[in-house]
């Protein structure tokens, strides 16, 4: 491509803000390619500046772009739901044959211990540490906390809002709740 993919996709988020949530993590590059391909197909343009200008000049193209991005968003949400469901089914199958998911247990215990160690370091040594170290340790503690949050969401289901989103996506696809 002649232009940075993720930067261009972020620029197109002006016309379809839901793009932003997918432009992080492992799938960012693939999503950026999809978004740019959708925009190119709708506008007929190949240059990043032309894509943006074309959408600014053509409101009907923006609506078509938003519809296409919503369809892409639905597909990405379904893939994420399927991935989580497959992992839960794996854990259920392991439990049914009497096996424990030791790997998951080690991950959760490690995240909990990492969080406790970070918090203990901050509680006991924050006065002796430089501000940069306190900031880094606080960031790492936040990462461990996010890991624990994800583990709890996996084990016990996610928030009510997320559950409602899952039901809505399933309804859009004409299926029962996932």
N, C-alpha and C. Protein backbone atom coordinates (compact mmCIF):
# COMPACT_ATOMS: atom_id res chain seq x y z
N UNK A 1 0.85 -1.18 0.00
CA UNK A 1 0.00 0.00 0.00
C UNK A 1 0.89 1.25 0.00
N UNK A 2 0.34 2.29 -0.54
CA UNK A 2 1.09 3.53 -0.65
C UNK A 2 0.96 4.40 0.60
N UNK A 3 0.17 4.01 1.58
CA UNK A 3 -0.02 4.82 2.78
C UNK A 3 -0.16 3.91 3.99
N UNK A 4 0.17 4.44 5.17
CA UNK A 4 0.09 3.62 6.38
C UNK A 4 -1.35 3.18 6.65
N UNK A 5 -1.54 1.90 6.75
CA UNK A 5 -2.88 1.33 6.85
C UNK A 5 -3.65 1.77 8.09
N UNK A 6 -3.05 1.59 9.24
CA UNK A 6 -3.78 1.87 10.49
C UNK A 6 -4.07 3.36 10.61
N UNK A 7 -3.13 4.19 10.24
CA UNK A 7 -3.34 5.65 10.29
C UNK A 7 -4.48 6.05 9.36
N UNK A 8 -4.51 5.48 8.19
CA UNK A 8 -5.58 5.78 7.24
C UNK A 8 -6.93 5.31 7.78
N UNK A 9 -6.95 4.10 8.36
CA UNK A 9 -8.20 3.59 8.92
C UNK A 9 -8.69 4.48 10.06
N UNK A 10 -7.77 4.96 10.90
CA UNK A 10 -8.16 5.89 11.97
C UNK A 10 -8.76 7.16 11.37
N UNK A 11 -8.21 7.63 10.26
CA UNK A 11 -8.76 8.80 9.59
C UNK A 11 -10.19 8.55 9.10
N UNK A 12 -10.46 7.34 8.65
CA UNK A 12 -11.80 7.00 8.16
C UNK A 12 -12.79 6.83 9.31
N UNK A 13 -12.28 6.69 10.53
CA UNK A 13 -13.16 6.57 11.70
C UNK A 13 -13.98 7.83 11.91
N UNK A 14 -13.58 8.92 11.28
CA UNK A 14 -14.38 10.14 11.32
C UNK A 14 -15.78 9.87 10.76
N UNK A 15 -15.88 8.95 9.82
CA UNK A 15 -17.14 8.66 9.16
C UNK A 15 -17.84 7.44 9.75
N UNK A 16 -17.11 6.59 10.45
CA UNK A 16 -17.68 5.40 11.09
C UNK A 16 -16.87 5.13 12.37
N UNK A 17 -17.22 5.80 13.47
CA UNK A 17 -16.42 5.73 14.71
C UNK A 17 -16.23 4.32 15.29
N UNK A 18 -17.13 3.38 14.98
CA UNK A 18 -16.98 2.04 15.55
C UNK A 18 -15.72 1.33 15.06
N UNK A 19 -15.07 1.87 14.06
CA UNK A 19 -13.82 1.29 13.55
C UNK A 19 -12.74 1.30 14.63
N UNK A 20 -12.73 2.34 15.44
CA UNK A 20 -11.63 2.56 16.39
C UNK A 20 -11.44 1.38 17.34
N UNK A 21 -12.53 0.78 17.79
CA UNK A 21 -12.38 -0.31 18.78
C UNK A 21 -11.65 -1.52 18.22
N UNK A 22 -11.60 -1.66 16.90
CA UNK A 22 -10.93 -2.81 16.29
C UNK A 22 -9.51 -2.51 15.84
N UNK A 23 -9.07 -1.26 15.98
CA UNK A 23 -7.75 -0.89 15.48
C UNK A 23 -6.65 -0.97 16.53
N UNK A 24 -6.80 -1.90 17.43
CA UNK A 24 -5.78 -2.18 18.43
C UNK A 24 -5.60 -3.68 18.53
N UNK A 25 -4.50 -4.09 19.04
CA UNK A 25 -4.27 -5.52 19.25
C UNK A 25 -3.82 -6.24 17.99
N UNK A 26 -3.98 -7.55 18.03
CA UNK A 26 -3.47 -8.41 16.96
C UNK A 26 -4.17 -8.22 15.62
N UNK A 27 -5.45 -7.86 15.67
CA UNK A 27 -6.22 -7.78 14.45
C UNK A 27 -6.16 -6.41 13.79
N UNK A 28 -5.45 -5.45 14.34
CA UNK A 28 -5.47 -4.06 13.86
C UNK A 28 -5.12 -3.96 12.38
N UNK A 29 -4.06 -4.60 11.95
CA UNK A 29 -3.63 -4.52 10.57
C UNK A 29 -4.68 -5.10 9.63
N UNK A 30 -5.23 -6.26 9.98
CA UNK A 30 -6.24 -6.90 9.14
C UNK A 30 -7.50 -6.05 9.05
N UNK A 31 -7.92 -5.49 10.17
CA UNK A 31 -9.11 -4.64 10.19
C UNK A 31 -8.86 -3.38 9.36
N UNK A 32 -7.69 -2.81 9.49
CA UNK A 32 -7.36 -1.61 8.71
C UNK A 32 -7.45 -1.91 7.21
N UNK A 33 -6.93 -3.06 6.80
CA UNK A 33 -7.01 -3.45 5.39
C UNK A 33 -8.46 -3.57 4.96
N UNK A 34 -9.30 -4.22 5.79
CA UNK A 34 -10.71 -4.38 5.47
C UNK A 34 -11.41 -3.02 5.33
N UNK A 35 -11.16 -2.13 6.28
CA UNK A 35 -11.80 -0.82 6.28
C UNK A 35 -11.39 -0.03 5.03
N UNK A 36 -10.11 -0.05 4.72
CA UNK A 36 -9.62 0.70 3.56
C UNK A 36 -10.17 0.10 2.27
N UNK A 37 -10.23 -1.23 2.19
CA UNK A 37 -10.79 -1.87 1.00
C UNK A 37 -12.26 -1.50 0.82
N UNK A 38 -13.01 -1.46 1.91
CA UNK A 38 -14.42 -1.04 1.85
C UNK A 38 -14.51 0.39 1.32
N UNK A 39 -13.68 1.27 1.88
CA UNK A 39 -13.70 2.67 1.46
C UNK A 39 -13.31 2.81 0.00
N UNK A 40 -12.29 2.07 -0.44
CA UNK A 40 -11.87 2.13 -1.84
C UNK A 40 -12.99 1.67 -2.77
N UNK A 41 -13.63 0.58 -2.39
CA UNK A 41 -14.69 0.03 -3.22
C UNK A 41 -15.84 1.03 -3.36
N UNK A 42 -16.19 1.68 -2.27
CA UNK A 42 -17.32 2.61 -2.29
C UNK A 42 -16.97 3.89 -3.04
N UNK A 43 -15.78 4.41 -2.82
CA UNK A 43 -15.41 5.70 -3.42
C UNK A 43 -14.75 5.56 -4.79
N UNK A 44 -14.12 4.43 -5.04
CA UNK A 44 -13.37 4.27 -6.27
C UNK A 44 -12.01 4.95 -6.22
N UNK A 45 -11.59 5.41 -5.05
CA UNK A 45 -10.31 6.11 -4.87
C UNK A 45 -9.25 5.17 -4.33
N UNK A 46 -8.00 5.48 -4.65
CA UNK A 46 -6.89 4.68 -4.13
C UNK A 46 -5.98 5.46 -3.19
N UNK A 47 -6.10 6.76 -3.12
CA UNK A 47 -5.25 7.58 -2.28
C UNK A 47 -5.95 7.91 -0.97
N UNK A 48 -5.21 7.92 0.12
CA UNK A 48 -5.79 8.17 1.44
C UNK A 48 -6.49 9.52 1.50
N UNK A 49 -5.88 10.55 0.99
CA UNK A 49 -6.50 11.88 1.00
C UNK A 49 -7.77 11.90 0.16
N UNK A 50 -7.75 11.19 -0.96
CA UNK A 50 -8.92 11.15 -1.83
C UNK A 50 -10.08 10.42 -1.15
N UNK A 51 -9.78 9.39 -0.36
CA UNK A 51 -10.83 8.66 0.36
C UNK A 51 -11.59 9.61 1.28
N UNK A 52 -10.86 10.33 2.10
CA UNK A 52 -11.47 11.25 3.05
C UNK A 52 -12.25 12.35 2.33
N UNK A 53 -11.62 12.95 1.31
CA UNK A 53 -12.29 14.02 0.57
C UNK A 53 -13.54 13.52 -0.14
N UNK A 54 -13.46 12.32 -0.68
CA UNK A 54 -14.62 11.75 -1.37
C UNK A 54 -15.80 11.58 -0.41
N UNK A 55 -15.52 11.11 0.80
CA UNK A 55 -16.59 10.95 1.79
C UNK A 55 -17.14 12.31 2.22
N UNK A 56 -16.26 13.31 2.34
CA UNK A 56 -16.73 14.64 2.74
C UNK A 56 -17.65 15.25 1.68
N UNK A 57 -17.40 14.91 0.43
CA UNK A 57 -18.19 15.47 -0.66
C UNK A 57 -19.44 14.66 -0.99
N UNK A 58 -19.52 13.43 -0.49
CA UNK A 58 -20.60 12.55 -0.90
C UNK A 58 -21.26 11.88 0.32
N UNK A 59 -22.28 12.49 0.90
CA UNK A 59 -22.93 11.94 2.08
C UNK A 59 -23.53 10.55 1.85
N UNK A 60 -23.99 10.27 0.65
CA UNK A 60 -24.56 8.93 0.40
C UNK A 60 -23.47 7.86 0.45
N UNK A 61 -22.25 8.22 0.06
CA UNK A 61 -21.12 7.27 0.16
C UNK A 61 -20.79 7.01 1.63
N UNK A 62 -20.93 8.04 2.46
CA UNK A 62 -20.69 7.87 3.90
C UNK A 62 -21.68 6.87 4.47
N UNK A 63 -22.94 7.00 4.09
CA UNK A 63 -23.97 6.08 4.59
C UNK A 63 -23.68 4.66 4.13
N UNK A 64 -23.30 4.50 2.88
CA UNK A 64 -22.95 3.18 2.36
C UNK A 64 -21.74 2.61 3.11
N UNK A 65 -20.75 3.46 3.37
CA UNK A 65 -19.56 3.06 4.12
C UNK A 65 -19.94 2.62 5.53
N UNK A 66 -20.79 3.39 6.20
CA UNK A 66 -21.22 3.05 7.55
C UNK A 66 -21.95 1.71 7.57
N UNK A 67 -22.79 1.46 6.60
CA UNK A 67 -23.49 0.17 6.53
C UNK A 67 -22.51 -0.98 6.35
N UNK A 68 -21.54 -0.79 5.46
CA UNK A 68 -20.54 -1.84 5.23
C UNK A 68 -19.69 -2.08 6.46
N UNK A 69 -19.33 -1.00 7.16
CA UNK A 69 -18.53 -1.13 8.37
C UNK A 69 -19.35 -1.81 9.48
N UNK A 70 -20.63 -1.51 9.57
CA UNK A 70 -21.49 -2.19 10.55
C UNK A 70 -21.54 -3.69 10.28
N UNK A 71 -21.60 -4.07 9.02
CA UNK A 71 -21.59 -5.49 8.66
C UNK A 71 -20.26 -6.13 9.06
N UNK A 72 -19.15 -5.42 8.79
CA UNK A 72 -17.84 -5.90 9.19
C UNK A 72 -17.75 -6.02 10.71
N UNK A 73 -18.29 -5.02 11.42
CA UNK A 73 -18.30 -5.02 12.88
C UNK A 73 -19.06 -6.24 13.40
N UNK A 74 -20.20 -6.52 12.80
CA UNK A 74 -21.00 -7.68 13.21
C UNK A 74 -20.19 -8.97 13.03
N UNK A 75 -19.50 -9.10 11.90
CA UNK A 75 -18.69 -10.29 11.65
C UNK A 75 -17.55 -10.42 12.65
N UNK A 76 -16.90 -9.31 12.98
CA UNK A 76 -15.81 -9.34 13.95
C UNK A 76 -16.33 -9.69 15.35
N UNK A 77 -17.49 -9.14 15.71
CA UNK A 77 -18.10 -9.46 17.02
C UNK A 77 -18.44 -10.95 17.09
N UNK A 78 -19.00 -11.49 16.02
CA UNK A 78 -19.35 -12.91 16.01
C UNK A 78 -18.10 -13.78 16.13
N UNK A 79 -17.03 -13.39 15.46
CA UNK A 79 -15.79 -14.15 15.55
C UNK A 79 -15.26 -14.14 16.99
N UNK A 80 -15.35 -12.99 17.64
CA UNK A 80 -14.89 -12.89 19.04
C UNK A 80 -15.77 -13.73 19.95
N UNK A 81 -17.08 -13.70 19.73
CA UNK A 81 -17.99 -14.52 20.53
C UNK A 81 -17.73 -16.01 20.33
N UNK A 82 -17.52 -16.40 19.09
CA UNK A 82 -17.24 -17.80 18.80
C UNK A 82 -15.94 -18.25 19.45
N UNK A 83 -14.94 -17.38 19.41
CA UNK A 83 -13.66 -17.72 20.02
C UNK A 83 -13.81 -17.97 21.51
N UNK A 84 -14.53 -17.07 22.19
CA UNK A 84 -14.74 -17.23 23.63
C UNK A 84 -15.58 -18.47 23.91
N UNK A 85 -16.62 -18.70 23.10
CA UNK A 85 -17.48 -19.86 23.31
C UNK A 85 -16.69 -21.15 23.11
N UNK A 86 -15.82 -21.20 22.11
CA UNK A 86 -15.00 -22.39 21.88
C UNK A 86 -14.09 -22.66 23.07
N UNK A 87 -13.53 -21.61 23.65
CA UNK A 87 -12.65 -21.78 24.81
C UNK A 87 -13.45 -22.29 26.01
N UNK A 88 -14.65 -21.77 26.21
CA UNK A 88 -15.49 -22.25 27.31
C UNK A 88 -15.87 -23.71 27.09
N UNK A 89 -16.22 -24.06 25.86
CA UNK A 89 -16.58 -25.45 25.57
C UNK A 89 -15.40 -26.38 25.82
N UNK A 90 -14.19 -25.93 25.53
CA UNK A 90 -12.99 -26.72 25.80
C UNK A 90 -12.86 -26.98 27.30
N UNK A 91 -13.05 -25.92 28.10
CA UNK A 91 -12.96 -26.09 29.55
C UNK A 91 -14.04 -27.05 30.07
N UNK A 92 -15.23 -26.96 29.53
CA UNK A 92 -16.32 -27.85 29.94
C UNK A 92 -15.97 -29.30 29.59
N UNK A 93 -15.46 -29.50 28.38
CA UNK A 93 -15.09 -30.85 27.95
C UNK A 93 -13.98 -31.41 28.83
N UNK A 94 -13.00 -30.59 29.19
CA UNK A 94 -11.94 -31.05 30.09
C UNK A 94 -12.51 -31.46 31.44
N UNK A 95 -13.40 -30.67 31.98
CA UNK A 95 -13.99 -30.96 33.29
C UNK A 95 -14.82 -32.25 33.24
N UNK A 96 -15.49 -32.49 32.13
CA UNK A 96 -16.34 -33.67 32.01
C UNK A 96 -15.53 -34.96 32.01
N UNK A 97 -14.30 -34.90 31.56
CA UNK A 97 -13.47 -36.11 31.57
C UNK A 97 -12.52 -36.14 32.76
N UNK A 98 -12.73 -35.23 33.71
CA UNK A 98 -11.97 -35.25 34.94
C UNK A 98 -10.63 -34.53 34.90
N UNK A 99 -10.37 -33.75 33.87
CA UNK A 99 -9.12 -33.01 33.79
C UNK A 99 -9.33 -31.57 34.25
N UNK A 100 -8.27 -31.00 34.78
CA UNK A 100 -8.30 -29.59 35.16
C UNK A 100 -7.53 -28.79 34.13
N UNK A 101 -7.94 -27.56 33.98
CA UNK A 101 -7.23 -26.66 33.07
C UNK A 101 -6.13 -25.98 33.88
N UNK A 102 -5.03 -26.69 34.06
CA UNK A 102 -3.92 -26.22 34.89
C UNK A 102 -3.31 -24.94 34.30
N UNK A 103 -3.22 -24.87 33.00
CA UNK A 103 -2.66 -23.69 32.35
C UNK A 103 -3.44 -22.44 32.74
N UNK A 104 -4.77 -22.52 32.70
CA UNK A 104 -5.60 -21.37 33.07
C UNK A 104 -5.42 -21.03 34.55
N UNK A 105 -5.35 -22.05 35.38
CA UNK A 105 -5.16 -21.81 36.81
C UNK A 105 -3.83 -21.10 37.07
N UNK A 106 -2.79 -21.54 36.39
CA UNK A 106 -1.48 -20.90 36.55
C UNK A 106 -1.53 -19.45 36.08
N UNK A 107 -2.23 -19.20 34.97
CA UNK A 107 -2.33 -17.83 34.46
C UNK A 107 -3.05 -16.93 35.45
N UNK A 108 -4.15 -17.40 36.03
CA UNK A 108 -4.91 -16.57 36.97
C UNK A 108 -4.11 -16.33 38.24
N UNK A 109 -3.50 -17.36 38.77
CA UNK A 109 -2.69 -17.22 39.99
C UNK A 109 -1.51 -16.28 39.73
N UNK A 110 -0.88 -16.41 38.58
CA UNK A 110 0.25 -15.53 38.24
C UNK A 110 -0.19 -14.08 38.14
N UNK A 111 -1.34 -13.83 37.51
CA UNK A 111 -1.84 -12.46 37.40
C UNK A 111 -2.17 -11.90 38.78
N UNK A 112 -2.78 -12.72 39.63
CA UNK A 112 -3.12 -12.27 40.99
C UNK A 112 -1.85 -11.97 41.79
N UNK A 113 -0.87 -12.86 41.69
CA UNK A 113 0.38 -12.64 42.42
C UNK A 113 1.11 -11.40 41.88
N UNK A 114 1.11 -11.23 40.57
CA UNK A 114 1.74 -10.06 39.98
C UNK A 114 1.09 -8.77 40.46
N UNK A 115 -0.24 -8.77 40.53
CA UNK A 115 -0.96 -7.59 41.02
C UNK A 115 -0.62 -7.32 42.48
N UNK A 116 -0.64 -8.35 43.29
CA UNK A 116 -0.32 -8.19 44.72
C UNK A 116 1.11 -7.69 44.89
N UNK A 117 2.04 -8.23 44.12
CA UNK A 117 3.44 -7.80 44.24
C UNK A 117 3.59 -6.34 43.83
N UNK A 118 2.93 -5.95 42.76
CA UNK A 118 3.00 -4.54 42.33
C UNK A 118 2.42 -3.62 43.40
N UNK A 119 1.25 -3.98 43.93
CA UNK A 119 0.62 -3.16 44.95
C UNK A 119 1.46 -3.10 46.22
N UNK A 120 2.06 -4.24 46.60
CA UNK A 120 2.93 -4.27 47.79
C UNK A 120 4.16 -3.39 47.56
N UNK A 121 4.73 -3.46 46.36
CA UNK A 121 5.89 -2.62 46.05
C UNK A 121 5.53 -1.15 46.17
N UNK A 122 4.37 -0.80 45.66
CA UNK A 122 3.95 0.60 45.74
C UNK A 122 3.67 1.01 47.18
N UNK A 123 3.04 0.11 47.94
CA UNK A 123 2.69 0.43 49.32
C UNK A 123 3.93 0.61 50.20
N UNK A 124 4.92 -0.25 50.02
CA UNK A 124 6.08 -0.23 50.91
C UNK A 124 7.27 0.59 50.41
N UNK A 125 7.39 0.75 49.09
CA UNK A 125 8.60 1.37 48.56
C UNK A 125 8.35 2.62 47.71
N UNK A 126 7.11 3.07 47.58
CA UNK A 126 6.83 4.18 46.68
C UNK A 126 7.61 5.45 47.04
N UNK A 127 7.84 5.66 48.33
CA UNK A 127 8.57 6.85 48.76
C UNK A 127 10.04 6.79 48.33
N UNK A 128 10.60 5.58 48.26
CA UNK A 128 12.01 5.42 47.92
C UNK A 128 12.23 5.31 46.41
N UNK A 129 11.17 5.07 45.65
CA UNK A 129 11.30 4.88 44.21
C UNK A 129 11.14 6.21 43.46
N UNK A 130 11.85 6.35 42.35
CA UNK A 130 11.63 7.56 41.54
C UNK A 130 10.22 7.52 40.92
N UNK A 131 9.71 8.68 40.58
CA UNK A 131 8.36 8.78 40.04
C UNK A 131 8.14 7.92 38.81
N UNK A 132 9.17 7.80 37.97
CA UNK A 132 9.04 6.98 36.76
C UNK A 132 8.81 5.52 37.11
N UNK A 133 9.51 5.04 38.13
CA UNK A 133 9.35 3.64 38.55
C UNK A 133 7.95 3.41 39.12
N UNK A 134 7.47 4.37 39.91
CA UNK A 134 6.11 4.26 40.46
C UNK A 134 5.10 4.21 39.31
N UNK A 135 5.29 5.03 38.30
CA UNK A 135 4.40 5.04 37.14
C UNK A 135 4.41 3.72 36.39
N UNK A 136 5.60 3.17 36.20
CA UNK A 136 5.73 1.89 35.49
C UNK A 136 5.09 0.77 36.30
N UNK A 137 5.36 0.73 37.60
CA UNK A 137 4.77 -0.32 38.45
C UNK A 137 3.25 -0.18 38.48
N UNK A 138 2.75 1.04 38.52
CA UNK A 138 1.30 1.25 38.50
C UNK A 138 0.70 0.76 37.19
N UNK A 139 1.38 1.00 36.09
CA UNK A 139 0.90 0.53 34.79
C UNK A 139 0.88 -0.99 34.74
N UNK A 140 1.93 -1.61 35.23
CA UNK A 140 1.99 -3.07 35.25
C UNK A 140 0.89 -3.63 36.14
N UNK A 141 0.63 -2.98 37.27
CA UNK A 141 -0.46 -3.41 38.15
C UNK A 141 -1.80 -3.33 37.40
N UNK A 142 -1.99 -2.28 36.62
CA UNK A 142 -3.20 -2.15 35.82
C UNK A 142 -3.35 -3.27 34.81
N UNK A 143 -2.24 -3.67 34.22
CA UNK A 143 -2.26 -4.77 33.25
C UNK A 143 -2.65 -6.07 33.95
N UNK A 144 -2.05 -6.33 35.10
CA UNK A 144 -2.42 -7.54 35.85
C UNK A 144 -3.91 -7.49 36.26
N UNK A 145 -4.37 -6.32 36.66
CA UNK A 145 -5.78 -6.17 37.01
C UNK A 145 -6.69 -6.46 35.83
N UNK A 146 -6.30 -5.99 34.65
CA UNK A 146 -7.09 -6.25 33.44
C UNK A 146 -7.11 -7.74 33.11
N UNK A 147 -5.98 -8.42 33.35
CA UNK A 147 -5.93 -9.87 33.13
C UNK A 147 -6.92 -10.58 34.05
N UNK A 148 -6.95 -10.17 35.29
CA UNK A 148 -7.89 -10.78 36.24
C UNK A 148 -9.33 -10.48 35.85
N UNK A 149 -9.59 -9.27 35.40
CA UNK A 149 -10.94 -8.91 34.95
C UNK A 149 -11.37 -9.80 33.80
N UNK A 150 -10.48 -10.01 32.85
CA UNK A 150 -10.80 -10.87 31.71
C UNK A 150 -11.03 -12.31 32.15
N UNK A 151 -10.24 -12.78 33.09
CA UNK A 151 -10.42 -14.15 33.59
C UNK A 151 -11.78 -14.30 34.27
N UNK A 152 -12.15 -13.31 35.07
CA UNK A 152 -13.47 -13.36 35.73
C UNK A 152 -14.59 -13.29 34.70
N UNK A 153 -14.44 -12.45 33.68
CA UNK A 153 -15.46 -12.34 32.64
C UNK A 153 -15.60 -13.67 31.90
N UNK A 154 -14.48 -14.35 31.67
CA UNK A 154 -14.52 -15.64 30.99
C UNK A 154 -15.21 -16.69 31.85
N UNK A 155 -14.83 -16.75 33.11
CA UNK A 155 -15.36 -17.78 34.01
C UNK A 155 -16.82 -17.57 34.40
N UNK A 156 -17.17 -16.32 34.65
CA UNK A 156 -18.49 -16.06 35.22
C UNK A 156 -19.41 -15.30 34.28
N UNK A 157 -18.99 -15.11 33.05
CA UNK A 157 -19.79 -14.32 32.13
C UNK A 157 -19.38 -12.87 32.26
N UNK A 158 -19.73 -12.12 31.25
CA UNK A 158 -19.30 -10.73 31.26
C UNK A 158 -20.40 -9.84 31.80
N UNK A 159 -20.20 -8.56 31.70
CA UNK A 159 -21.12 -7.60 32.27
C UNK A 159 -22.49 -7.67 31.60
N UNK A 160 -23.47 -7.07 32.24
CA UNK A 160 -24.82 -7.07 31.71
C UNK A 160 -24.87 -6.41 30.34
N UNK A 161 -24.18 -5.29 30.19
CA UNK A 161 -24.16 -4.60 28.91
C UNK A 161 -23.57 -5.47 27.81
N UNK A 162 -22.51 -6.19 28.14
CA UNK A 162 -21.89 -7.07 27.16
C UNK A 162 -22.82 -8.24 26.84
N UNK A 163 -23.50 -8.75 27.84
CA UNK A 163 -24.45 -9.84 27.62
C UNK A 163 -25.58 -9.37 26.71
N UNK A 164 -26.08 -8.14 26.94
CA UNK A 164 -27.13 -7.60 26.08
C UNK A 164 -26.62 -7.45 24.65
N UNK A 165 -25.35 -7.06 24.49
CA UNK A 165 -24.75 -6.95 23.16
C UNK A 165 -24.68 -8.32 22.51
N UNK A 166 -24.30 -9.36 23.28
CA UNK A 166 -24.24 -10.71 22.75
C UNK A 166 -25.61 -11.16 22.25
N UNK A 167 -26.65 -10.87 23.03
CA UNK A 167 -28.01 -11.25 22.66
C UNK A 167 -28.43 -10.49 21.40
N UNK A 168 -28.09 -9.20 21.32
CA UNK A 168 -28.45 -8.40 20.16
C UNK A 168 -27.76 -8.91 18.89
N UNK A 169 -26.47 -9.26 19.00
CA UNK A 169 -25.75 -9.79 17.85
C UNK A 169 -26.35 -11.12 17.42
N UNK A 170 -26.67 -11.97 18.39
CA UNK A 170 -27.28 -13.25 18.06
C UNK A 170 -28.64 -13.05 17.38
N UNK A 171 -29.41 -12.08 17.86
CA UNK A 171 -30.72 -11.78 17.25
C UNK A 171 -30.54 -11.28 15.82
N UNK A 172 -29.52 -10.44 15.58
CA UNK A 172 -29.24 -9.95 14.23
C UNK A 172 -28.94 -11.10 13.27
N UNK A 173 -28.29 -12.11 13.80
CA UNK A 173 -27.92 -13.24 12.97
C UNK A 173 -29.04 -14.28 12.88
N UNK A 174 -30.13 -14.02 13.59
CA UNK A 174 -31.26 -14.94 13.54
C UNK A 174 -31.05 -16.20 14.34
N UNK A 175 -30.21 -16.11 15.36
CA UNK A 175 -29.93 -17.28 16.21
C UNK A 175 -30.38 -17.00 17.62
N UNK A 176 -30.41 -18.02 18.42
CA UNK A 176 -30.67 -17.84 19.84
C UNK A 176 -29.45 -17.24 20.50
N UNK A 177 -29.55 -16.95 21.77
CA UNK A 177 -28.42 -16.37 22.51
C UNK A 177 -27.24 -17.31 22.48
N UNK A 178 -26.05 -16.71 22.35
CA UNK A 178 -24.81 -17.49 22.29
C UNK A 178 -24.33 -17.76 23.69
